[in-house]
């Protein structure tokens, strides 16, 4: 590489061009592939179709039943179903967690609130477990169970924040889970107990203020 001096490069450049020619005009992409606008989309769709077929036929790793049961037992230390068995949604979350490296079950926040208010699940001790669960989730600490916010919830929150600043558009009402998403996950340093204190209780409908999850 040391022998490649400036004069050597200049010599190669001078010898590679015809006499009197100082610039080279390279052909454009449309000149090289004149039929790309009509056939390019077909090529892209065919490539994506092949990838989708290969992805579906590729052997996936099956969830480990033992690890799935262990994850559900860890979840049951905090939340228990009101029926004798776990709902299919929680089993799928546990199976997904068993395939991850951390073996951490990420429980969607809107699912948690909806099921607790709807009577499908309940906390063993909400005053003890709920603040720690929210704080650990905000700090992304190593815990067998964490709370997460789905992308659909983030999208609705961001849309609401933009429309709330506009005078022409009236923002749609946010559900309790989205309000908690804003307060608990955009302000992780604030104590999670405040999420259920009087400072935000007025933002919820009256039938939610008296629910078990709002008393803490």
N, C-alpha and C. Protein backbone atom coordinates (compact mmCIF):
# COMPACT_ATOMS: atom_id res chain seq x y z
N UNK A 1 0.83 -1.20 0.00
CA UNK A 1 0.00 0.00 0.00
C UNK A 1 0.87 1.25 0.00
N UNK A 2 2.11 1.14 0.55
CA UNK A 2 2.98 2.29 0.62
C UNK A 2 3.48 2.71 -0.74
N UNK A 3 3.56 1.74 -1.71
CA UNK A 3 4.03 2.06 -3.05
C UNK A 3 2.99 2.77 -3.89
N UNK A 4 1.74 2.79 -3.37
CA UNK A 4 0.67 3.47 -4.09
C UNK A 4 0.69 4.94 -3.72
N UNK A 5 1.57 5.70 -4.40
CA UNK A 5 1.71 7.12 -4.10
C UNK A 5 0.76 7.93 -4.96
N UNK A 6 0.76 9.22 -4.71
CA UNK A 6 -0.12 10.12 -5.45
C UNK A 6 0.24 10.13 -6.94
N UNK A 7 1.55 10.11 -7.24
CA UNK A 7 1.97 10.12 -8.64
C UNK A 7 1.57 8.84 -9.36
N UNK A 8 1.61 7.70 -8.65
CA UNK A 8 1.20 6.44 -9.27
C UNK A 8 -0.27 6.45 -9.63
N UNK A 9 -1.10 6.96 -8.72
CA UNK A 9 -2.53 7.06 -8.99
C UNK A 9 -2.81 8.01 -10.14
N UNK A 10 -2.06 9.13 -10.19
CA UNK A 10 -2.24 10.08 -11.27
C UNK A 10 -1.86 9.47 -12.61
N UNK A 11 -0.80 8.64 -12.62
CA UNK A 11 -0.37 7.98 -13.85
C UNK A 11 -1.43 6.99 -14.34
N UNK A 12 -2.00 6.22 -13.41
CA UNK A 12 -3.06 5.27 -13.78
C UNK A 12 -4.26 6.01 -14.34
N UNK A 13 -4.60 7.13 -13.71
CA UNK A 13 -5.75 7.92 -14.17
C UNK A 13 -5.51 8.48 -15.56
N UNK A 14 -4.30 9.01 -15.82
CA UNK A 14 -4.00 9.60 -17.12
C UNK A 14 -3.98 8.56 -18.22
N UNK A 15 -3.47 7.37 -17.94
CA UNK A 15 -3.37 6.34 -18.96
C UNK A 15 -4.70 5.64 -19.25
N UNK A 16 -5.63 5.75 -18.32
CA UNK A 16 -6.91 5.06 -18.50
C UNK A 16 -7.90 5.88 -19.30
N UNK A 17 -7.61 7.15 -19.57
CA UNK A 17 -8.52 8.00 -20.31
C UNK A 17 -7.96 8.30 -21.69
N UNK A 18 -8.79 8.38 -22.69
CA UNK A 18 -8.31 8.76 -24.02
C UNK A 18 -7.76 10.18 -24.01
N UNK A 19 -6.94 10.49 -24.98
CA UNK A 19 -6.32 11.80 -25.07
C UNK A 19 -7.37 12.88 -25.27
N UNK A 20 -7.31 13.90 -24.46
CA UNK A 20 -8.24 15.01 -24.56
C UNK A 20 -9.51 14.83 -23.76
N UNK A 21 -9.72 13.68 -23.17
CA UNK A 21 -10.91 13.42 -22.36
C UNK A 21 -10.57 13.63 -20.90
N UNK A 22 -11.28 14.49 -20.25
CA UNK A 22 -11.01 14.80 -18.84
C UNK A 22 -12.08 14.28 -17.90
N UNK A 23 -13.25 13.97 -18.41
CA UNK A 23 -14.33 13.48 -17.57
C UNK A 23 -14.94 12.24 -18.19
N UNK A 24 -15.53 11.44 -17.35
CA UNK A 24 -16.21 10.22 -17.80
C UNK A 24 -17.65 10.28 -17.33
N UNK A 25 -18.59 10.10 -18.22
CA UNK A 25 -20.01 10.10 -17.89
C UNK A 25 -20.48 8.66 -17.72
N UNK A 26 -20.82 8.30 -16.49
CA UNK A 26 -21.29 6.95 -16.22
C UNK A 26 -22.77 6.84 -16.56
N UNK A 27 -23.22 5.71 -17.06
CA UNK A 27 -24.64 5.55 -17.38
C UNK A 27 -25.48 5.54 -16.11
N UNK A 28 -26.69 6.07 -16.22
CA UNK A 28 -27.59 6.10 -15.08
C UNK A 28 -28.22 4.73 -14.86
N UNK A 29 -28.89 4.61 -13.72
CA UNK A 29 -29.53 3.33 -13.39
C UNK A 29 -30.63 2.98 -14.39
N UNK A 30 -31.37 4.00 -14.83
CA UNK A 30 -32.45 3.75 -15.79
C UNK A 30 -31.93 3.34 -17.15
N UNK A 31 -30.71 3.81 -17.50
CA UNK A 31 -30.13 3.41 -18.77
C UNK A 31 -29.63 1.97 -18.73
N UNK A 32 -29.12 1.55 -17.57
CA UNK A 32 -28.63 0.18 -17.45
C UNK A 32 -29.80 -0.80 -17.39
N UNK A 33 -30.84 -0.43 -16.63
CA UNK A 33 -32.02 -1.29 -16.48
C UNK A 33 -33.25 -0.52 -16.96
N UNK A 34 -33.47 -0.45 -18.26
CA UNK A 34 -34.60 0.35 -18.76
C UNK A 34 -35.96 -0.23 -18.40
N UNK A 35 -36.04 -1.53 -18.15
CA UNK A 35 -37.33 -2.16 -17.85
C UNK A 35 -37.58 -2.31 -16.35
N UNK A 36 -36.74 -1.67 -15.52
CA UNK A 36 -36.90 -1.88 -14.08
C UNK A 36 -38.23 -1.35 -13.54
N UNK A 37 -38.74 -0.16 -13.95
CA UNK A 37 -40.02 0.30 -13.38
C UNK A 37 -41.15 -0.69 -13.57
N UNK A 38 -41.16 -1.41 -14.69
CA UNK A 38 -42.26 -2.35 -14.94
C UNK A 38 -41.99 -3.73 -14.35
N UNK A 39 -40.75 -4.17 -14.44
CA UNK A 39 -40.43 -5.53 -13.98
C UNK A 39 -39.78 -5.56 -12.59
N UNK A 40 -39.28 -4.42 -12.12
CA UNK A 40 -38.60 -4.40 -10.83
C UNK A 40 -39.51 -4.77 -9.68
N UNK A 41 -40.75 -4.25 -9.72
CA UNK A 41 -41.69 -4.57 -8.65
C UNK A 41 -42.00 -6.06 -8.62
N UNK A 42 -42.09 -6.66 -9.80
CA UNK A 42 -42.35 -8.10 -9.86
C UNK A 42 -41.19 -8.89 -9.25
N UNK A 43 -39.96 -8.44 -9.52
CA UNK A 43 -38.79 -9.11 -8.94
C UNK A 43 -38.79 -9.00 -7.42
N UNK A 44 -39.12 -7.81 -6.92
CA UNK A 44 -39.13 -7.61 -5.47
C UNK A 44 -40.19 -8.47 -4.80
N UNK A 45 -41.39 -8.49 -5.39
CA UNK A 45 -42.47 -9.30 -4.81
C UNK A 45 -42.13 -10.79 -4.86
N UNK A 46 -41.50 -11.22 -5.94
CA UNK A 46 -41.11 -12.63 -6.04
C UNK A 46 -40.07 -12.98 -4.98
N UNK A 47 -39.13 -12.07 -4.77
CA UNK A 47 -38.10 -12.31 -3.76
C UNK A 47 -38.71 -12.38 -2.36
N UNK A 48 -39.64 -11.46 -2.06
CA UNK A 48 -40.28 -11.48 -0.74
C UNK A 48 -41.13 -12.72 -0.56
N UNK A 49 -41.78 -13.17 -1.64
CA UNK A 49 -42.59 -14.39 -1.55
C UNK A 49 -41.73 -15.61 -1.25
N UNK A 50 -40.57 -15.69 -1.91
CA UNK A 50 -39.66 -16.81 -1.65
C UNK A 50 -39.15 -16.78 -0.22
N UNK A 51 -38.83 -15.58 0.28
CA UNK A 51 -38.38 -15.46 1.67
C UNK A 51 -39.47 -15.90 2.63
N UNK A 52 -40.72 -15.51 2.36
CA UNK A 52 -41.83 -15.89 3.24
C UNK A 52 -42.03 -17.40 3.25
N UNK A 53 -41.92 -18.03 2.08
CA UNK A 53 -42.07 -19.49 2.01
C UNK A 53 -40.95 -20.18 2.77
N UNK A 54 -39.72 -19.70 2.59
CA UNK A 54 -38.60 -20.30 3.30
C UNK A 54 -38.73 -20.11 4.81
N UNK A 55 -39.24 -18.94 5.21
CA UNK A 55 -39.39 -18.67 6.64
C UNK A 55 -40.42 -19.60 7.27
N UNK A 56 -41.52 -19.84 6.55
CA UNK A 56 -42.58 -20.69 7.10
C UNK A 56 -42.18 -22.17 7.09
N UNK A 57 -41.38 -22.58 6.12
CA UNK A 57 -40.96 -23.98 6.06
C UNK A 57 -39.73 -24.26 6.91
N UNK A 58 -39.06 -23.21 7.37
CA UNK A 58 -37.86 -23.41 8.18
C UNK A 58 -38.27 -23.97 9.54
N UNK A 59 -37.64 -25.02 10.00
CA UNK A 59 -38.04 -25.62 11.29
C UNK A 59 -37.80 -24.67 12.46
N UNK A 60 -38.88 -24.35 13.16
CA UNK A 60 -38.78 -23.45 14.30
C UNK A 60 -38.51 -24.25 15.58
N UNK A 61 -37.89 -23.55 16.49
CA UNK A 61 -37.61 -24.16 17.78
C UNK A 61 -38.91 -24.24 18.58
N UNK A 62 -39.21 -25.42 19.09
CA UNK A 62 -40.44 -25.61 19.85
C UNK A 62 -40.26 -25.16 21.29
N UNK A 63 -41.31 -24.59 21.89
CA UNK A 63 -41.21 -24.17 23.29
C UNK A 63 -40.96 -25.35 24.21
N UNK A 64 -40.17 -25.11 25.23
CA UNK A 64 -39.86 -26.13 26.22
C UNK A 64 -40.97 -26.14 27.27
N UNK A 65 -41.63 -27.29 27.43
CA UNK A 65 -42.76 -27.37 28.35
C UNK A 65 -42.33 -27.13 29.79
N UNK A 66 -41.16 -27.63 30.16
CA UNK A 66 -40.68 -27.44 31.54
C UNK A 66 -40.40 -25.98 31.82
N UNK A 67 -39.72 -25.31 30.89
CA UNK A 67 -39.43 -23.89 31.07
C UNK A 67 -40.70 -23.05 31.05
N UNK A 68 -41.66 -23.44 30.22
CA UNK A 68 -42.94 -22.72 30.19
C UNK A 68 -43.66 -22.82 31.53
N UNK A 69 -43.67 -24.00 32.13
CA UNK A 69 -44.30 -24.16 33.45
C UNK A 69 -43.57 -23.37 34.52
N UNK A 70 -42.24 -23.32 34.43
CA UNK A 70 -41.47 -22.54 35.40
C UNK A 70 -41.79 -21.06 35.29
N UNK A 71 -41.92 -20.56 34.07
CA UNK A 71 -42.25 -19.15 33.87
C UNK A 71 -43.64 -18.84 34.38
N UNK A 72 -44.59 -19.73 34.16
CA UNK A 72 -45.94 -19.52 34.67
C UNK A 72 -45.98 -19.56 36.19
N UNK A 73 -45.15 -20.40 36.80
CA UNK A 73 -45.08 -20.43 38.27
C UNK A 73 -44.50 -19.12 38.81
N UNK A 74 -43.51 -18.56 38.12
CA UNK A 74 -42.97 -17.26 38.53
C UNK A 74 -44.02 -16.17 38.41
N UNK A 75 -44.81 -16.24 37.34
CA UNK A 75 -45.89 -15.27 37.17
C UNK A 75 -46.95 -15.43 38.23
N UNK A 76 -47.20 -16.67 38.64
CA UNK A 76 -48.25 -16.94 39.62
C UNK A 76 -47.88 -16.43 41.01
N UNK A 77 -46.61 -16.14 41.24
CA UNK A 77 -46.21 -15.54 42.51
C UNK A 77 -46.71 -14.10 42.62
N UNK A 78 -47.03 -13.50 41.47
CA UNK A 78 -47.48 -12.10 41.45
C UNK A 78 -48.94 -12.01 41.06
N UNK A 79 -49.30 -12.71 40.00
CA UNK A 79 -50.66 -12.66 39.45
C UNK A 79 -51.20 -14.08 39.34
N UNK A 80 -52.45 -14.24 39.69
CA UNK A 80 -53.09 -15.55 39.58
C UNK A 80 -54.37 -15.43 38.78
N UNK A 81 -54.70 -16.45 37.99
CA UNK A 81 -55.98 -16.42 37.27
C UNK A 81 -57.13 -16.72 38.22
N UNK A 82 -58.28 -16.17 37.92
CA UNK A 82 -59.45 -16.41 38.77
C UNK A 82 -60.11 -17.75 38.46
N UNK A 83 -59.67 -18.42 37.41
CA UNK A 83 -60.15 -19.77 37.13
C UNK A 83 -59.04 -20.77 37.46
N UNK A 84 -59.31 -22.04 37.24
CA UNK A 84 -58.38 -23.08 37.67
C UNK A 84 -57.14 -23.18 36.79
N UNK A 85 -57.22 -22.73 35.54
CA UNK A 85 -56.08 -22.83 34.63
C UNK A 85 -55.79 -21.45 34.05
N UNK A 86 -54.58 -21.32 33.48
CA UNK A 86 -54.19 -20.07 32.85
C UNK A 86 -54.92 -19.90 31.52
N UNK A 87 -55.19 -18.65 31.18
CA UNK A 87 -55.81 -18.35 29.89
C UNK A 87 -54.80 -18.58 28.77
N UNK A 88 -55.26 -18.90 27.55
CA UNK A 88 -54.33 -19.19 26.44
C UNK A 88 -53.36 -18.06 26.15
N UNK A 89 -53.80 -16.80 26.36
CA UNK A 89 -52.91 -15.68 26.08
C UNK A 89 -51.66 -15.72 26.95
N UNK A 90 -51.83 -16.09 28.22
CA UNK A 90 -50.69 -16.14 29.13
C UNK A 90 -49.80 -17.35 28.83
N UNK A 91 -50.40 -18.43 28.38
CA UNK A 91 -49.59 -19.60 28.01
C UNK A 91 -48.71 -19.27 26.81
N UNK A 92 -49.26 -18.54 25.83
CA UNK A 92 -48.47 -18.15 24.66
C UNK A 92 -47.34 -17.20 25.05
N UNK A 93 -47.62 -16.28 25.98
CA UNK A 93 -46.57 -15.38 26.45
C UNK A 93 -45.46 -16.16 27.15
N UNK A 94 -45.84 -17.16 27.93
CA UNK A 94 -44.83 -17.98 28.62
C UNK A 94 -44.03 -18.81 27.63
N UNK A 95 -44.69 -19.34 26.60
CA UNK A 95 -43.96 -20.11 25.57
C UNK A 95 -42.99 -19.22 24.82
N UNK A 96 -43.40 -18.00 24.53
CA UNK A 96 -42.49 -17.07 23.86
C UNK A 96 -41.31 -16.73 24.75
N UNK A 97 -41.57 -16.58 26.04
CA UNK A 97 -40.48 -16.28 26.97
C UNK A 97 -39.51 -17.45 27.10
N UNK A 98 -40.03 -18.68 26.99
CA UNK A 98 -39.15 -19.85 27.10
C UNK A 98 -38.18 -19.95 25.94
N UNK A 99 -38.49 -19.32 24.81
CA UNK A 99 -37.60 -19.33 23.65
C UNK A 99 -36.57 -18.21 23.68
N UNK A 100 -36.72 -17.28 24.62
CA UNK A 100 -35.78 -16.17 24.70
C UNK A 100 -34.60 -16.53 25.59
N UNK A 101 -33.55 -15.73 25.48
CA UNK A 101 -32.36 -15.98 26.29
C UNK A 101 -32.59 -15.65 27.76
N UNK A 102 -33.29 -14.55 28.00
CA UNK A 102 -33.47 -14.10 29.38
C UNK A 102 -34.53 -14.90 30.13
N UNK A 103 -35.39 -15.63 29.41
CA UNK A 103 -36.49 -16.38 30.03
C UNK A 103 -37.41 -15.45 30.83
N UNK A 104 -37.53 -14.22 30.35
CA UNK A 104 -38.36 -13.23 31.03
C UNK A 104 -39.70 -13.10 30.33
N UNK A 105 -40.77 -13.19 31.08
CA UNK A 105 -42.10 -13.02 30.53
C UNK A 105 -42.44 -11.54 30.52
N UNK A 106 -42.70 -11.00 29.34
CA UNK A 106 -43.08 -9.59 29.20
C UNK A 106 -44.59 -9.52 29.06
N UNK A 107 -45.24 -9.00 30.07
CA UNK A 107 -46.70 -8.93 30.11
C UNK A 107 -47.15 -7.57 29.59
N UNK A 108 -47.96 -7.52 28.52
CA UNK A 108 -48.44 -6.23 28.02
C UNK A 108 -49.24 -5.49 29.08
N UNK A 109 -48.98 -4.21 29.21
CA UNK A 109 -49.64 -3.41 30.25
C UNK A 109 -51.14 -3.35 30.04
N UNK A 110 -51.58 -3.19 28.78
CA UNK A 110 -53.02 -3.12 28.55
C UNK A 110 -53.71 -4.44 28.87
N UNK A 111 -53.02 -5.56 28.60
CA UNK A 111 -53.57 -6.86 28.95
C UNK A 111 -53.70 -7.01 30.46
N UNK A 112 -52.69 -6.58 31.20
CA UNK A 112 -52.71 -6.67 32.65
C UNK A 112 -53.88 -5.90 33.23
N UNK A 113 -54.04 -4.65 32.82
CA UNK A 113 -55.10 -3.81 33.39
C UNK A 113 -56.48 -4.32 32.98
N UNK A 114 -56.63 -4.70 31.71
CA UNK A 114 -57.93 -5.19 31.24
C UNK A 114 -58.36 -6.45 31.98
N UNK A 115 -57.42 -7.37 32.19
CA UNK A 115 -57.77 -8.63 32.85
C UNK A 115 -58.04 -8.45 34.33
N UNK A 116 -57.29 -7.56 34.99
CA UNK A 116 -57.53 -7.33 36.41
C UNK A 116 -58.88 -6.66 36.62
N UNK A 117 -59.17 -5.64 35.81
CA UNK A 117 -60.45 -4.94 35.94
C UNK A 117 -61.60 -5.85 35.54
N UNK A 118 -61.37 -6.70 34.52
CA UNK A 118 -62.42 -7.61 34.07
C UNK A 118 -62.60 -8.83 34.94
N UNK A 119 -61.75 -9.01 35.95
CA UNK A 119 -61.90 -10.13 36.86
C UNK A 119 -61.31 -11.43 36.35
N UNK A 120 -60.50 -11.39 35.30
CA UNK A 120 -59.89 -12.62 34.79
C UNK A 120 -58.66 -13.01 35.61
N UNK A 121 -57.93 -12.01 36.10
CA UNK A 121 -56.75 -12.26 36.93
C UNK A 121 -56.80 -11.33 38.13
N UNK A 122 -55.95 -11.62 39.11
CA UNK A 122 -55.88 -10.78 40.30
C UNK A 122 -54.48 -10.86 40.88
N UNK A 123 -54.09 -9.80 41.57
CA UNK A 123 -52.79 -9.77 42.24
C UNK A 123 -52.87 -10.53 43.56
N UNK A 124 -51.79 -11.20 43.89
CA UNK A 124 -51.72 -11.84 45.20
C UNK A 124 -51.66 -10.78 46.29
N UNK A 125 -50.84 -9.77 46.08
CA UNK A 125 -50.74 -8.65 47.00
C UNK A 125 -50.36 -7.43 46.17
N UNK A 126 -51.37 -6.69 45.72
CA UNK A 126 -51.12 -5.57 44.82
C UNK A 126 -50.25 -4.50 45.46
N UNK A 127 -50.47 -4.21 46.74
CA UNK A 127 -49.68 -3.18 47.41
C UNK A 127 -48.21 -3.56 47.50
N UNK A 128 -47.91 -4.85 47.54
CA UNK A 128 -46.53 -5.31 47.65
C UNK A 128 -45.88 -5.52 46.29
N UNK A 129 -46.59 -6.16 45.37
CA UNK A 129 -45.98 -6.58 44.11
C UNK A 129 -46.08 -5.54 42.99
N UNK A 130 -47.17 -4.78 42.94
CA UNK A 130 -47.38 -3.89 41.81
C UNK A 130 -46.34 -2.78 41.70
N UNK A 131 -46.01 -2.05 42.78
CA UNK A 131 -44.97 -1.01 42.65
C UNK A 131 -43.63 -1.57 42.20
N UNK A 132 -43.21 -2.71 42.78
CA UNK A 132 -41.93 -3.31 42.38
C UNK A 132 -41.97 -3.75 40.92
N UNK A 133 -43.09 -4.29 40.49
CA UNK A 133 -43.20 -4.76 39.11
C UNK A 133 -43.08 -3.60 38.13
N UNK A 134 -43.72 -2.49 38.42
CA UNK A 134 -43.65 -1.33 37.53
C UNK A 134 -42.27 -0.71 37.52
N UNK A 135 -41.65 -0.61 38.69
CA UNK A 135 -40.31 -0.03 38.76
C UNK A 135 -39.29 -0.91 38.04
N UNK A 136 -39.35 -2.21 38.25
CA UNK A 136 -38.42 -3.12 37.57
C UNK A 136 -38.62 -3.07 36.06
N UNK A 137 -39.86 -2.92 35.61
CA UNK A 137 -40.13 -2.86 34.18
C UNK A 137 -39.60 -1.57 33.58
N UNK A 138 -39.76 -0.45 34.31
CA UNK A 138 -39.26 0.83 33.81
C UNK A 138 -37.75 0.85 33.74
N UNK A 139 -37.09 0.19 34.69
CA UNK A 139 -35.63 0.15 34.73
C UNK A 139 -35.06 -1.02 33.94
N UNK A 140 -35.93 -1.89 33.38
CA UNK A 140 -35.52 -3.07 32.61
C UNK A 140 -34.53 -3.92 33.39
N UNK A 141 -34.82 -4.13 34.66
CA UNK A 141 -33.95 -4.93 35.51
C UNK A 141 -34.17 -6.41 35.22
N UNK A 142 -33.26 -7.23 35.76
CA UNK A 142 -33.37 -8.67 35.56
C UNK A 142 -34.43 -9.23 36.50
N UNK A 143 -35.54 -9.59 35.93
CA UNK A 143 -36.67 -10.10 36.70
C UNK A 143 -37.39 -11.14 35.85
N UNK A 144 -37.96 -12.18 36.47
CA UNK A 144 -38.67 -13.20 35.68
C UNK A 144 -39.92 -12.68 35.00
N UNK A 145 -40.49 -11.59 35.52
CA UNK A 145 -41.71 -11.01 34.95
C UNK A 145 -41.53 -9.50 34.84
N UNK A 146 -41.78 -8.97 33.66
CA UNK A 146 -41.73 -7.53 33.42
C UNK A 146 -42.99 -7.11 32.68
N UNK A 147 -43.26 -5.82 32.74
CA UNK A 147 -44.40 -5.25 32.02
C UNK A 147 -43.87 -4.52 30.79
N UNK A 148 -44.53 -4.70 29.68
CA UNK A 148 -44.16 -4.02 28.45
C UNK A 148 -45.34 -3.30 27.84
N UNK A 149 -45.04 -2.40 26.92
CA UNK A 149 -46.07 -1.65 26.21
C UNK A 149 -45.99 -2.03 24.74
N UNK A 150 -47.09 -2.46 24.18
CA UNK A 150 -47.10 -2.88 22.78
C UNK A 150 -46.92 -1.69 21.85
N UNK A 151 -46.45 -1.99 20.63
CA UNK A 151 -46.23 -0.93 19.65
C UNK A 151 -47.53 -0.23 19.30
N UNK A 152 -48.63 -0.96 19.28
CA UNK A 152 -49.92 -0.33 18.98
C UNK A 152 -50.28 0.70 20.04
N UNK A 153 -49.95 0.41 21.31
CA UNK A 153 -50.22 1.37 22.37
C UNK A 153 -49.33 2.59 22.24
N UNK A 154 -48.04 2.37 21.94
CA UNK A 154 -47.14 3.50 21.73
C UNK A 154 -47.64 4.37 20.58
N UNK A 155 -48.11 3.76 19.50
CA UNK A 155 -48.59 4.52 18.34
C UNK A 155 -49.80 5.37 18.73
N UNK A 156 -50.71 4.80 19.49
CA UNK A 156 -51.90 5.55 19.90
C UNK A 156 -51.54 6.69 20.83
N UNK A 157 -50.55 6.46 21.69
CA UNK A 157 -50.12 7.52 22.60
C UNK A 157 -49.48 8.66 21.83
N UNK A 158 -48.58 8.34 20.90
CA UNK A 158 -47.92 9.38 20.11
C UNK A 158 -48.94 10.13 19.27
N UNK A 159 -49.89 9.42 18.67
CA UNK A 159 -50.94 10.07 17.89
C UNK A 159 -51.76 11.00 18.76
N UNK A 160 -52.08 10.55 19.96
CA UNK A 160 -52.86 11.38 20.87
C UNK A 160 -52.09 12.63 21.27
N UNK A 161 -50.78 12.50 21.50
CA UNK A 161 -49.97 13.65 21.91
C UNK A 161 -49.90 14.69 20.80
N UNK A 162 -49.84 14.24 19.54
CA UNK A 162 -49.79 15.18 18.42
C UNK A 162 -51.14 15.86 18.21
N UNK A 163 -52.22 15.07 18.26
CA UNK A 163 -53.54 15.65 18.05
C UNK A 163 -53.97 16.53 19.21
N UNK A 164 -53.45 16.26 20.41
CA UNK A 164 -53.81 17.09 21.56
C UNK A 164 -53.25 18.50 21.42
N UNK A 165 -52.17 18.66 20.65
CA UNK A 165 -51.58 19.98 20.45
C UNK A 165 -52.25 20.75 19.31
N UNK A 166 -53.10 20.09 18.57
CA UNK A 166 -53.76 20.73 17.44
C UNK A 166 -55.12 21.27 17.87
N UNK A 167 -55.43 22.48 17.41
CA UNK A 167 -56.72 23.08 17.75
C UNK A 167 -57.83 22.60 16.82
N UNK A 168 -57.46 22.08 15.66
CA UNK A 168 -58.47 21.67 14.68
C UNK A 168 -58.96 20.25 14.93
N UNK A 169 -58.13 19.43 15.55
CA UNK A 169 -58.48 18.03 15.76
C UNK A 169 -58.73 17.79 17.23
N UNK A 170 -59.85 17.18 17.54
CA UNK A 170 -60.16 16.85 18.93
C UNK A 170 -59.58 15.48 19.24
N UNK A 171 -58.67 15.38 20.21
CA UNK A 171 -58.04 14.08 20.49
C UNK A 171 -59.04 13.07 21.03
N UNK A 172 -58.85 11.82 20.65
CA UNK A 172 -59.69 10.76 21.16
C UNK A 172 -59.32 10.45 22.61
N UNK A 173 -60.28 9.92 23.35
CA UNK A 173 -60.03 9.59 24.75
C UNK A 173 -59.10 8.38 24.84
N UNK A 174 -58.17 8.47 25.76
CA UNK A 174 -57.25 7.36 25.97
C UNK A 174 -57.81 6.44 27.04
N UNK A 175 -57.54 5.17 26.91
CA UNK A 175 -57.94 4.21 27.93
C UNK A 175 -57.01 4.30 29.12
N UNK A 176 -57.37 3.64 30.20
CA UNK A 176 -56.55 3.68 31.41
C UNK A 176 -55.17 3.10 31.17
N UNK A 177 -55.08 2.05 30.35
CA UNK A 177 -53.78 1.43 30.10
C UNK A 177 -52.85 2.38 29.37
N UNK A 178 -53.38 3.18 28.44
CA UNK A 178 -52.52 4.11 27.72
C UNK A 178 -52.10 5.27 28.60
N UNK A 179 -52.98 5.72 29.48
CA UNK A 179 -52.59 6.77 30.42
C UNK A 179 -51.47 6.29 31.33
N UNK A 180 -51.56 5.07 31.80
CA UNK A 180 -50.50 4.51 32.63
C UNK A 180 -49.23 4.32 31.82
N UNK A 181 -49.37 4.02 30.54
CA UNK A 181 -48.19 3.87 29.69
C UNK A 181 -47.42 5.18 29.62
N UNK A 182 -48.14 6.28 29.45
CA UNK A 182 -47.48 7.59 29.38
C UNK A 182 -46.79 7.89 30.69
N UNK A 183 -47.51 7.74 31.79
CA UNK A 183 -46.99 8.19 33.07
C UNK A 183 -45.88 7.29 33.61
N UNK A 184 -46.04 5.99 33.51
CA UNK A 184 -45.08 5.07 34.13
C UNK A 184 -43.86 4.81 33.27
N UNK A 185 -44.03 4.83 31.95
CA UNK A 185 -42.92 4.44 31.09
C UNK A 185 -42.21 5.63 30.47
N UNK A 186 -42.85 6.78 30.38
CA UNK A 186 -42.14 7.97 29.93
C UNK A 186 -41.53 8.70 31.11
N UNK A 187 -41.89 8.37 32.33
CA UNK A 187 -41.31 8.96 33.53
C UNK A 187 -40.90 7.85 34.48
N UNK A 188 -39.88 7.07 34.13
CA UNK A 188 -39.52 5.90 34.95
C UNK A 188 -38.96 6.26 36.31
N UNK A 189 -38.45 7.49 36.50
CA UNK A 189 -37.86 7.86 37.78
C UNK A 189 -38.92 8.16 38.83
N UNK A 190 -40.14 8.40 38.39
CA UNK A 190 -41.21 8.69 39.33
C UNK A 190 -41.67 7.39 39.96
N UNK A 191 -41.97 7.41 41.24
CA UNK A 191 -42.40 6.20 41.93
C UNK A 191 -43.66 5.66 41.28
N UNK A 192 -43.67 4.35 41.07
CA UNK A 192 -44.81 3.74 40.39
C UNK A 192 -46.07 3.80 41.23
N UNK A 193 -45.93 4.00 42.53
CA UNK A 193 -47.12 4.09 43.36
C UNK A 193 -47.96 5.28 42.96
N UNK A 194 -47.30 6.33 42.44
CA UNK A 194 -48.02 7.54 42.05
C UNK A 194 -48.93 7.29 40.86
N UNK A 195 -48.70 6.22 40.14
CA UNK A 195 -49.55 5.92 39.00
C UNK A 195 -50.98 5.66 39.43
N UNK A 196 -51.15 5.24 40.65
CA UNK A 196 -52.47 4.90 41.15
C UNK A 196 -52.91 5.82 42.29
N UNK A 197 -52.20 6.94 42.43
CA UNK A 197 -52.55 7.87 43.50
C UNK A 197 -53.60 8.85 43.01
N UNK A 198 -53.94 9.80 43.87
CA UNK A 198 -55.01 10.75 43.54
C UNK A 198 -54.62 11.69 42.42
N UNK A 199 -53.33 11.81 42.11
CA UNK A 199 -52.90 12.76 41.08
C UNK A 199 -53.40 12.39 39.70
N UNK A 200 -53.59 11.09 39.44
CA UNK A 200 -54.08 10.66 38.14
C UNK A 200 -55.40 9.93 38.22
N UNK A 201 -55.94 9.76 39.40
CA UNK A 201 -57.20 9.05 39.54
C UNK A 201 -58.33 9.79 38.85
N UNK A 202 -58.27 11.13 38.86
CA UNK A 202 -59.35 11.90 38.25
C UNK A 202 -59.41 11.72 36.74
N UNK A 203 -58.34 11.20 36.14
CA UNK A 203 -58.34 11.01 34.69
C UNK A 203 -59.08 9.76 34.26
N UNK A 204 -59.45 8.91 35.21
CA UNK A 204 -60.10 7.65 34.88
C UNK A 204 -61.60 7.76 35.09
N UNK A 205 -62.38 6.98 34.37
CA UNK A 205 -63.82 6.94 34.59
C UNK A 205 -64.15 6.48 36.01
N UNK A 206 -65.36 6.80 36.44
CA UNK A 206 -65.74 6.50 37.82
C UNK A 206 -65.74 5.01 38.10
N UNK A 207 -66.09 4.17 37.11
CA UNK A 207 -66.15 2.73 37.37
C UNK A 207 -64.76 2.12 37.47
N UNK A 208 -63.72 2.85 37.01
CA UNK A 208 -62.36 2.35 37.15
C UNK A 208 -61.72 2.82 38.45
N UNK A 209 -62.20 3.94 39.00
CA UNK A 209 -61.59 4.46 40.22
C UNK A 209 -61.82 3.52 41.40
N UNK A 210 -62.93 2.80 41.39
CA UNK A 210 -63.24 1.91 42.50
C UNK A 210 -62.74 0.50 42.28
N UNK A 211 -62.08 0.24 41.14
CA UNK A 211 -61.59 -1.11 40.87
C UNK A 211 -60.38 -1.41 41.73
N UNK A 212 -60.06 -2.69 41.98
CA UNK A 212 -58.95 -3.05 42.86
C UNK A 212 -57.61 -2.49 42.41
N UNK A 213 -57.40 -2.38 41.09
CA UNK A 213 -56.10 -1.93 40.62
C UNK A 213 -55.88 -0.45 40.87
N UNK A 214 -56.95 0.32 41.05
CA UNK A 214 -56.83 1.76 41.25
C UNK A 214 -56.70 2.13 42.71
N UNK A 215 -56.74 1.18 43.61
CA UNK A 215 -56.68 1.51 45.03
C UNK A 215 -55.25 1.57 45.53
N UNK A 216 -54.26 1.36 44.66
CA UNK A 216 -52.88 1.32 45.11
C UNK A 216 -52.05 2.25 44.24
